[in-house]
Structure formats: C-alpha cells, structure tokens
Amino acid sequence: MITSIKSPFLEYKMTILRNKKTSNSLFRQTMNEASYLIAAEVLKHLQYKKVSVQTPLIKTSGKDLAQQVIL
C-alpha cells in the first residue's frame, strides 16, 4: 500500500531536511519529528477493536489493535 500524505506541516519539516544549510543536530531532531507525523498518518489505516479498561475511577471503553503489527 502506498500512502500519500498531504500536510503543510510535514512539507515544512521536509523543507528543513532538504536544506543543505541544516545542521546535523537540527536534521536529526526534524527527522524524529517528521517520523511521528508519518507514523500517525499510516496508523490510521490499521484495524482497531473496541476494548474495555478499568481506570482508577471507572470502567471505560478504548481501542486496541485488531492485529499485531510487525515491522
């Protein structure tokens, strides 16, 4: 599957990464930040199941991955 991400903020981060004047430390920091943006977009396509969890106060519902993710 190919996912195309349309995000002005990610384009901003990519501009920093492409700039030859970007320092090594800023490149590493920006790459880390961009990876979270990319991962968040890709994770939208996974299947989730509804689960029940007990908080310190009440029982509530949440979501869990329907299948194990293997990278």
N, C-alpha and C. Protein backbone atom coordinates (compact mmCIF):
# COMPACT_ATOMS: atom_id res chain seq x y z
N MET A 1 0.84 -1.17 0.00
CA MET A 1 0.00 0.00 0.00
C MET A 1 0.90 1.24 0.00
N ILE A 2 0.54 2.21 -0.80
CA ILE A 2 1.25 3.48 -0.83
C ILE A 2 0.33 4.54 -0.24
N THR A 3 0.84 5.29 0.71
CA THR A 3 0.08 6.36 1.35
C THR A 3 0.72 7.69 1.01
N SER A 4 -0.08 8.57 0.44
CA SER A 4 0.39 9.92 0.13
C SER A 4 -0.10 10.85 1.23
N ILE A 5 0.81 11.56 1.86
CA ILE A 5 0.47 12.42 2.98
C ILE A 5 0.46 13.87 2.52
N LYS A 6 -0.67 14.50 2.67
CA LYS A 6 -0.83 15.92 2.30
C LYS A 6 -0.90 16.73 3.59
N SER A 7 0.21 17.27 4.01
CA SER A 7 0.27 18.03 5.25
C SER A 7 1.23 19.20 5.10
N PRO A 8 0.73 20.43 5.21
CA PRO A 8 1.62 21.58 5.13
C PRO A 8 2.72 21.54 6.19
N PHE A 9 2.40 21.03 7.38
CA PHE A 9 3.40 20.96 8.44
C PHE A 9 4.50 19.96 8.09
N LEU A 10 4.12 18.83 7.51
CA LEU A 10 5.12 17.85 7.09
C LEU A 10 5.96 18.41 5.95
N GLU A 11 5.36 19.17 5.05
CA GLU A 11 6.12 19.82 3.98
C GLU A 11 7.14 20.80 4.57
N TYR A 12 6.75 21.49 5.61
CA TYR A 12 7.66 22.40 6.33
C TYR A 12 8.85 21.62 6.88
N LYS A 13 8.57 20.48 7.52
CA LYS A 13 9.65 19.65 8.08
C LYS A 13 10.55 19.11 6.96
N MET A 14 9.95 18.72 5.84
CA MET A 14 10.73 18.22 4.71
C MET A 14 11.63 19.30 4.13
N THR A 15 11.17 20.54 4.14
CA THR A 15 11.98 21.65 3.66
C THR A 15 13.24 21.81 4.52
N ILE A 16 13.07 21.67 5.82
CA ILE A 16 14.23 21.74 6.73
C ILE A 16 15.20 20.60 6.41
N LEU A 17 14.67 19.39 6.21
CA LEU A 17 15.52 18.23 5.92
C LEU A 17 16.27 18.38 4.60
N ARG A 18 15.66 19.01 3.62
CA ARG A 18 16.26 19.15 2.30
C ARG A 18 17.29 20.28 2.21
N ASN A 19 17.23 21.21 3.13
CA ASN A 19 18.09 22.39 3.09
C ASN A 19 19.54 21.99 3.41
N LYS A 20 20.47 22.28 2.51
CA LYS A 20 21.86 21.91 2.75
C LYS A 20 22.48 22.69 3.91
N LYS A 21 21.85 23.78 4.34
CA LYS A 21 22.36 24.56 5.46
C LYS A 21 21.88 24.03 6.82
N THR A 22 21.03 23.02 6.82
CA THR A 22 20.53 22.45 8.06
C THR A 22 21.66 21.73 8.79
N SER A 23 21.84 22.06 10.06
CA SER A 23 22.90 21.41 10.86
C SER A 23 22.55 19.95 11.11
N ASN A 24 23.55 19.16 11.47
CA ASN A 24 23.33 17.75 11.78
C ASN A 24 22.33 17.56 12.91
N SER A 25 22.46 18.36 13.96
CA SER A 25 21.57 18.20 15.11
C SER A 25 20.13 18.57 14.75
N LEU A 26 19.95 19.65 13.97
CA LEU A 26 18.59 20.03 13.56
C LEU A 26 18.02 18.99 12.61
N PHE A 27 18.85 18.42 11.75
CA PHE A 27 18.39 17.37 10.84
C PHE A 27 17.87 16.18 11.64
N ARG A 28 18.64 15.72 12.63
CA ARG A 28 18.22 14.58 13.45
C ARG A 28 16.92 14.88 14.19
N GLN A 29 16.82 16.06 14.78
CA GLN A 29 15.63 16.45 15.52
C GLN A 29 14.41 16.51 14.59
N THR A 30 14.59 17.11 13.43
CA THR A 30 13.49 17.24 12.48
C THR A 30 13.08 15.89 11.91
N MET A 31 14.03 15.02 11.65
CA MET A 31 13.72 13.67 11.16
C MET A 31 12.89 12.92 12.20
N ASN A 32 13.25 13.05 13.46
CA ASN A 32 12.50 12.41 14.54
C ASN A 32 11.06 12.93 14.57
N GLU A 33 10.89 14.24 14.48
CA GLU A 33 9.56 14.84 14.49
C GLU A 33 8.75 14.42 13.26
N ALA A 34 9.38 14.40 12.10
CA ALA A 34 8.68 14.01 10.87
C ALA A 34 8.25 12.55 10.94
N SER A 35 9.06 11.71 11.56
CA SER A 35 8.71 10.29 11.65
C SER A 35 7.43 10.08 12.44
N TYR A 36 7.19 10.89 13.47
CA TYR A 36 5.95 10.79 14.23
C TYR A 36 4.76 11.21 13.38
N LEU A 37 4.92 12.25 12.58
CA LEU A 37 3.84 12.70 11.70
C LEU A 37 3.50 11.64 10.66
N ILE A 38 4.52 11.02 10.10
CA ILE A 38 4.30 9.98 9.10
C ILE A 38 3.66 8.75 9.74
N ALA A 39 4.15 8.34 10.89
CA ALA A 39 3.59 7.18 11.58
C ALA A 39 2.13 7.40 11.94
N ALA A 40 1.79 8.58 12.42
CA ALA A 40 0.40 8.87 12.79
C ALA A 40 -0.53 8.72 11.59
N GLU A 41 -0.07 9.14 10.43
CA GLU A 41 -0.89 9.04 9.22
C GLU A 41 -1.06 7.58 8.80
N VAL A 42 0.01 6.82 8.83
CA VAL A 42 -0.03 5.42 8.43
C VAL A 42 -0.88 4.60 9.40
N LEU A 43 -0.80 4.90 10.69
CA LEU A 43 -1.55 4.14 11.69
C LEU A 43 -3.06 4.31 11.57
N LYS A 44 -3.51 5.32 10.84
CA LYS A 44 -4.95 5.50 10.60
C LYS A 44 -5.53 4.33 9.80
N HIS A 45 -4.69 3.64 9.04
CA HIS A 45 -5.16 2.59 8.15
C HIS A 45 -5.21 1.21 8.81
N LEU A 46 -4.76 1.10 10.04
CA LEU A 46 -4.82 -0.18 10.75
C LEU A 46 -6.23 -0.42 11.27
N GLN A 47 -6.53 -1.68 11.55
CA GLN A 47 -7.84 -2.01 12.11
C GLN A 47 -7.73 -2.07 13.63
N TYR A 48 -8.75 -1.55 14.28
CA TYR A 48 -8.79 -1.48 15.73
C TYR A 48 -10.05 -2.18 16.23
N LYS A 49 -9.99 -2.64 17.47
CA LYS A 49 -11.17 -3.24 18.09
C LYS A 49 -11.47 -2.49 19.39
N LYS A 50 -12.73 -2.48 19.75
CA LYS A 50 -13.16 -1.81 20.97
C LYS A 50 -12.84 -2.71 22.17
N VAL A 51 -12.27 -2.13 23.21
CA VAL A 51 -11.96 -2.87 24.43
C VAL A 51 -12.46 -2.08 25.64
N SER A 52 -12.58 -2.78 26.74
CA SER A 52 -12.99 -2.16 27.99
C SER A 52 -11.78 -2.11 28.92
N VAL A 53 -11.57 -0.97 29.57
CA VAL A 53 -10.45 -0.83 30.50
C VAL A 53 -10.95 -0.23 31.81
N GLN A 54 -10.27 -0.60 32.88
CA GLN A 54 -10.60 -0.08 34.20
C GLN A 54 -9.63 1.05 34.53
N THR A 55 -10.15 2.25 34.70
CA THR A 55 -9.33 3.38 35.14
C THR A 55 -9.34 3.38 36.67
N PRO A 56 -8.58 4.25 37.31
CA PRO A 56 -8.64 4.32 38.77
C PRO A 56 -10.04 4.70 39.29
N LEU A 57 -10.86 5.33 38.44
CA LEU A 57 -12.18 5.77 38.89
C LEU A 57 -13.33 4.95 38.34
N ILE A 58 -13.33 4.67 37.04
CA ILE A 58 -14.46 3.96 36.43
C ILE A 58 -13.97 3.03 35.32
N LYS A 59 -14.88 2.18 34.87
CA LYS A 59 -14.61 1.36 33.71
C LYS A 59 -15.02 2.17 32.48
N THR A 60 -14.19 2.12 31.43
CA THR A 60 -14.47 2.90 30.22
C THR A 60 -14.05 2.09 28.99
N SER A 61 -14.38 2.60 27.83
CA SER A 61 -14.02 1.90 26.60
C SER A 61 -12.84 2.59 25.93
N GLY A 62 -12.14 1.81 25.14
CA GLY A 62 -10.99 2.33 24.40
C GLY A 62 -10.80 1.49 23.15
N LYS A 63 -9.66 1.63 22.51
CA LYS A 63 -9.37 0.88 21.29
C LYS A 63 -8.04 0.17 21.44
N ASP A 64 -7.96 -1.00 20.84
CA ASP A 64 -6.74 -1.79 20.81
C ASP A 64 -6.53 -2.23 19.36
N LEU A 65 -5.30 -2.55 19.01
CA LEU A 65 -5.03 -3.03 17.66
C LEU A 65 -5.73 -4.37 17.45
N ALA A 66 -6.36 -4.54 16.30
CA ALA A 66 -7.06 -5.79 15.99
C ALA A 66 -6.06 -6.90 15.66
N GLN A 67 -4.89 -6.53 15.14
CA GLN A 67 -3.86 -7.49 14.80
C GLN A 67 -2.51 -6.97 15.25
N GLN A 68 -1.57 -7.88 15.45
CA GLN A 68 -0.22 -7.49 15.83
C GLN A 68 0.47 -6.82 14.66
N VAL A 69 1.18 -5.74 14.93
CA VAL A 69 1.93 -5.03 13.90
C VAL A 69 3.36 -5.54 13.90
N ILE A 70 3.84 -5.95 12.74
CA ILE A 70 5.21 -6.43 12.60
C ILE A 70 5.94 -5.49 11.66
N LEU A 71 7.05 -4.94 12.14
CA LEU A 71 7.84 -4.02 11.32
C LEU A 71 9.03 -4.72 10.74
